[in-house]
Amino acid sequence: MKTALRDEFVGAIQRLRRGSPIPEKDLRFSSDTVKRVLQNAETLIREHVPTSGLDRIHTALHGHLLVVCDAEGRLERHKHGKTS
């Protein structure tokens, strides 16, 4: 357990040193909006505004999950526009 956690931290440090704190992933299920939000998050983090960058990552994750769930037919849309 400790070794896996250490390896995860070392990987994050190496990504930061290469210039991108956000690992490249296959976003074939994501929308253009999610991709733009991730680019925005990377810029904010690089410009030393990490809390705003983290907020953008949260927004991107939420958007990505909506796209994936919608593709799988797992979204329920309610009368008031809320999704669950």
N, C-alpha and C. Protein backbone atom coordinates (compact mmCIF):
# COMPACT_ATOMS: atom_id res chain seq x y z
N MET A 1 0.83 -1.19 0.00
CA MET A 1 0.00 0.00 0.00
C MET A 1 0.88 1.26 0.00
N LYS A 2 1.85 1.31 0.90
CA LYS A 2 2.71 2.49 0.96
C LYS A 2 3.52 2.64 -0.32
N THR A 3 3.95 1.53 -0.91
CA THR A 3 4.73 1.59 -2.14
C THR A 3 3.88 2.14 -3.28
N ALA A 4 2.63 1.71 -3.37
CA ALA A 4 1.74 2.19 -4.44
C ALA A 4 1.48 3.69 -4.29
N LEU A 5 1.27 4.13 -3.06
CA LEU A 5 1.04 5.55 -2.81
C LEU A 5 2.28 6.36 -3.14
N ARG A 6 3.43 5.84 -2.75
CA ARG A 6 4.69 6.52 -3.06
C ARG A 6 4.87 6.63 -4.56
N ASP A 7 4.62 5.55 -5.29
CA ASP A 7 4.75 5.56 -6.75
C ASP A 7 3.81 6.57 -7.39
N GLU A 8 2.60 6.69 -6.83
CA GLU A 8 1.64 7.66 -7.35
C GLU A 8 2.16 9.09 -7.16
N PHE A 9 2.71 9.37 -5.98
CA PHE A 9 3.26 10.70 -5.71
C PHE A 9 4.48 10.99 -6.60
N VAL A 10 5.33 10.01 -6.78
CA VAL A 10 6.51 10.19 -7.63
C VAL A 10 6.06 10.48 -9.06
N GLY A 11 5.04 9.77 -9.54
CA GLY A 11 4.51 10.03 -10.88
C GLY A 11 3.97 11.44 -11.02
N ALA A 12 3.26 11.91 -9.99
CA ALA A 12 2.70 13.27 -10.02
C ALA A 12 3.83 14.30 -10.04
N ILE A 13 4.86 14.07 -9.25
CA ILE A 13 6.01 14.98 -9.22
C ILE A 13 6.70 15.02 -10.58
N GLN A 14 6.86 13.88 -11.21
CA GLN A 14 7.50 13.83 -12.52
C GLN A 14 6.67 14.58 -13.57
N ARG A 15 5.34 14.44 -13.52
CA ARG A 15 4.47 15.17 -14.45
C ARG A 15 4.60 16.68 -14.23
N LEU A 16 4.66 17.10 -12.97
CA LEU A 16 4.81 18.51 -12.66
C LEU A 16 6.14 19.05 -13.21
N ARG A 17 7.17 18.26 -13.08
CA ARG A 17 8.47 18.69 -13.56
C ARG A 17 8.51 18.78 -15.08
N ARG A 18 7.72 17.96 -15.77
CA ARG A 18 7.66 18.02 -17.24
C ARG A 18 6.81 19.18 -17.71
N GLY A 19 6.05 19.81 -16.83
CA GLY A 19 5.30 21.00 -17.21
C GLY A 19 3.80 20.83 -17.23
N SER A 20 3.26 19.63 -17.14
CA SER A 20 1.82 19.45 -17.17
C SER A 20 1.37 18.64 -15.96
N PRO A 21 0.63 19.27 -15.05
CA PRO A 21 0.16 18.53 -13.87
C PRO A 21 -1.02 17.62 -14.18
N ILE A 22 -1.58 17.72 -15.38
CA ILE A 22 -2.73 16.90 -15.74
C ILE A 22 -2.27 15.83 -16.72
N PRO A 23 -2.39 14.55 -16.34
CA PRO A 23 -1.93 13.49 -17.23
C PRO A 23 -2.81 13.41 -18.48
N GLU A 24 -2.18 13.08 -19.60
CA GLU A 24 -2.93 12.91 -20.85
C GLU A 24 -3.74 11.62 -20.75
N LYS A 25 -4.99 11.72 -21.09
CA LYS A 25 -5.88 10.56 -21.07
C LYS A 25 -6.65 10.51 -22.37
N ASP A 26 -7.18 9.34 -22.66
CA ASP A 26 -8.04 9.18 -23.83
C ASP A 26 -9.41 9.73 -23.47
N LEU A 27 -9.78 10.84 -24.10
CA LEU A 27 -11.05 11.49 -23.79
C LEU A 27 -12.07 11.26 -24.89
N ARG A 28 -12.06 10.08 -25.50
CA ARG A 28 -12.97 9.83 -26.62
C ARG A 28 -14.44 9.96 -26.22
N PHE A 29 -14.74 9.80 -24.94
CA PHE A 29 -16.12 9.92 -24.49
C PHE A 29 -16.47 11.34 -24.05
N SER A 30 -15.50 12.22 -24.00
CA SER A 30 -15.75 13.55 -23.46
C SER A 30 -16.11 14.54 -24.55
N SER A 31 -16.73 15.59 -24.11
CA SER A 31 -17.14 16.65 -25.02
C SER A 31 -16.01 17.65 -25.22
N ASP A 32 -16.17 18.51 -26.20
CA ASP A 32 -15.19 19.58 -26.43
C ASP A 32 -15.13 20.51 -25.22
N THR A 33 -16.27 20.68 -24.55
CA THR A 33 -16.31 21.54 -23.36
C THR A 33 -15.41 20.98 -22.28
N VAL A 34 -15.46 19.68 -22.05
CA VAL A 34 -14.62 19.05 -21.03
C VAL A 34 -13.15 19.25 -21.38
N LYS A 35 -12.81 19.08 -22.63
CA LYS A 35 -11.41 19.26 -23.05
C LYS A 35 -10.95 20.70 -22.83
N ARG A 36 -11.83 21.67 -23.15
CA ARG A 36 -11.48 23.08 -22.93
C ARG A 36 -11.31 23.38 -21.44
N VAL A 37 -12.17 22.80 -20.61
CA VAL A 37 -12.08 23.03 -19.16
C VAL A 37 -10.76 22.47 -18.63
N LEU A 38 -10.34 21.30 -19.12
CA LEU A 38 -9.06 20.74 -18.69
C LEU A 38 -7.89 21.62 -19.12
N GLN A 39 -7.96 22.16 -20.33
CA GLN A 39 -6.90 23.07 -20.78
C GLN A 39 -6.87 24.31 -19.90
N ASN A 40 -8.05 24.81 -19.54
CA ASN A 40 -8.14 25.98 -18.67
C ASN A 40 -7.55 25.66 -17.30
N ALA A 41 -7.84 24.46 -16.78
CA ALA A 41 -7.30 24.05 -15.48
C ALA A 41 -5.79 23.99 -15.52
N GLU A 42 -5.25 23.45 -16.59
CA GLU A 42 -3.79 23.35 -16.72
C GLU A 42 -3.16 24.75 -16.71
N THR A 43 -3.77 25.67 -17.42
CA THR A 43 -3.26 27.06 -17.45
C THR A 43 -3.30 27.68 -16.06
N LEU A 44 -4.42 27.52 -15.37
CA LEU A 44 -4.55 28.10 -14.03
C LEU A 44 -3.50 27.53 -13.08
N ILE A 45 -3.30 26.22 -13.13
CA ILE A 45 -2.32 25.60 -12.24
C ILE A 45 -0.92 26.08 -12.58
N ARG A 46 -0.62 26.16 -13.87
CA ARG A 46 0.70 26.62 -14.30
C ARG A 46 0.95 28.06 -13.86
N GLU A 47 -0.12 28.88 -13.83
CA GLU A 47 0.01 30.29 -13.46
C GLU A 47 -0.16 30.51 -11.95
N HIS A 48 -0.02 29.45 -11.19
CA HIS A 48 -0.03 29.52 -9.73
C HIS A 48 -1.37 29.95 -9.14
N VAL A 49 -2.45 29.44 -9.71
CA VAL A 49 -3.79 29.65 -9.17
C VAL A 49 -4.40 28.25 -8.97
N PRO A 50 -3.77 27.44 -8.10
CA PRO A 50 -4.16 26.04 -8.00
C PRO A 50 -5.59 25.80 -7.52
N THR A 51 -6.12 26.65 -6.66
CA THR A 51 -7.49 26.41 -6.19
C THR A 51 -8.48 26.57 -7.33
N SER A 52 -8.27 27.54 -8.19
CA SER A 52 -9.14 27.72 -9.36
C SER A 52 -8.94 26.56 -10.33
N GLY A 53 -7.71 26.12 -10.48
CA GLY A 53 -7.43 24.98 -11.34
C GLY A 53 -8.12 23.73 -10.85
N LEU A 54 -8.09 23.51 -9.54
CA LEU A 54 -8.77 22.35 -8.96
C LEU A 54 -10.27 22.42 -9.19
N ASP A 55 -10.84 23.61 -9.09
CA ASP A 55 -12.26 23.78 -9.36
C ASP A 55 -12.59 23.42 -10.80
N ARG A 56 -11.72 23.80 -11.74
CA ARG A 56 -11.94 23.47 -13.15
C ARG A 56 -11.82 21.97 -13.38
N ILE A 57 -10.90 21.31 -12.66
CA ILE A 57 -10.77 19.85 -12.78
C ILE A 57 -12.05 19.19 -12.29
N HIS A 58 -12.60 19.68 -11.19
CA HIS A 58 -13.87 19.15 -10.67
C HIS A 58 -14.98 19.31 -11.70
N THR A 59 -15.04 20.48 -12.33
CA THR A 59 -16.04 20.74 -13.36
C THR A 59 -15.85 19.78 -14.54
N ALA A 60 -14.60 19.57 -14.95
CA ALA A 60 -14.31 18.66 -16.07
C ALA A 60 -14.71 17.23 -15.72
N LEU A 61 -14.42 16.80 -14.50
CA LEU A 61 -14.77 15.44 -14.08
C LEU A 61 -16.28 15.27 -14.11
N HIS A 62 -17.00 16.25 -13.60
CA HIS A 62 -18.46 16.19 -13.61
C HIS A 62 -18.98 16.10 -15.05
N GLY A 63 -18.46 16.95 -15.92
CA GLY A 63 -18.87 16.93 -17.32
C GLY A 63 -18.54 15.62 -18.00
N HIS A 64 -17.36 15.09 -17.73
CA HIS A 64 -16.93 13.82 -18.32
C HIS A 64 -17.86 12.69 -17.86
N LEU A 65 -18.17 12.66 -16.57
CA LEU A 65 -19.06 11.61 -16.06
C LEU A 65 -20.45 11.70 -16.69
N LEU A 66 -20.95 12.91 -16.90
CA LEU A 66 -22.24 13.07 -17.57
C LEU A 66 -22.21 12.51 -18.98
N VAL A 67 -21.13 12.79 -19.71
CA VAL A 67 -21.02 12.29 -21.08
C VAL A 67 -20.94 10.76 -21.09
N VAL A 68 -20.12 10.19 -20.22
CA VAL A 68 -19.97 8.74 -20.16
C VAL A 68 -21.29 8.07 -19.76
N CYS A 69 -21.94 8.60 -18.73
CA CYS A 69 -23.22 8.02 -18.29
C CYS A 69 -24.29 8.15 -19.36
N ASP A 70 -24.30 9.27 -20.06
CA ASP A 70 -25.27 9.47 -21.13
C ASP A 70 -25.03 8.46 -22.24
N ALA A 71 -23.76 8.23 -22.58
CA ALA A 71 -23.42 7.26 -23.62
C ALA A 71 -23.86 5.85 -23.23
N GLU A 72 -23.86 5.56 -21.95
CA GLU A 72 -24.25 4.24 -21.45
C GLU A 72 -25.74 4.15 -21.15
N GLY A 73 -26.46 5.26 -21.37
CA GLY A 73 -27.89 5.27 -21.09
C GLY A 73 -28.22 5.22 -19.62
N ARG A 74 -27.37 5.80 -18.79
CA ARG A 74 -27.55 5.74 -17.35
C ARG A 74 -27.97 7.07 -16.72
N LEU A 75 -28.42 8.00 -17.53
CA LEU A 75 -28.85 9.29 -16.99
C LEU A 75 -30.36 9.34 -16.93
N GLU A 76 -30.85 9.90 -15.87
CA GLU A 76 -32.27 10.13 -15.72
C GLU A 76 -32.49 11.63 -15.65
N ARG A 77 -33.22 12.17 -16.59
CA ARG A 77 -33.46 13.61 -16.59
C ARG A 77 -34.82 13.88 -15.93
N HIS A 78 -34.82 14.82 -15.01
CA HIS A 78 -36.02 15.17 -14.27
C HIS A 78 -36.70 16.39 -14.88
N LYS A 79 -37.92 16.64 -14.48
CA LYS A 79 -38.70 17.77 -14.99
C LYS A 79 -38.00 19.11 -14.81
N HIS A 80 -37.26 19.27 -13.73
CA HIS A 80 -36.66 20.55 -13.39
C HIS A 80 -35.24 20.71 -13.94
N GLY A 81 -34.86 19.84 -14.88
CA GLY A 81 -33.55 19.97 -15.51
C GLY A 81 -32.42 19.32 -14.74
N LYS A 82 -32.72 18.73 -13.60
CA LYS A 82 -31.68 18.08 -12.83
C LYS A 82 -31.40 16.69 -13.40
N THR A 83 -30.19 16.24 -13.26
CA THR A 83 -29.79 14.93 -13.77
C THR A 83 -29.31 14.09 -12.59
N SER A 84 -29.67 12.82 -12.61
CA SER A 84 -29.17 11.93 -11.55
C SER A 84 -28.70 10.63 -12.15
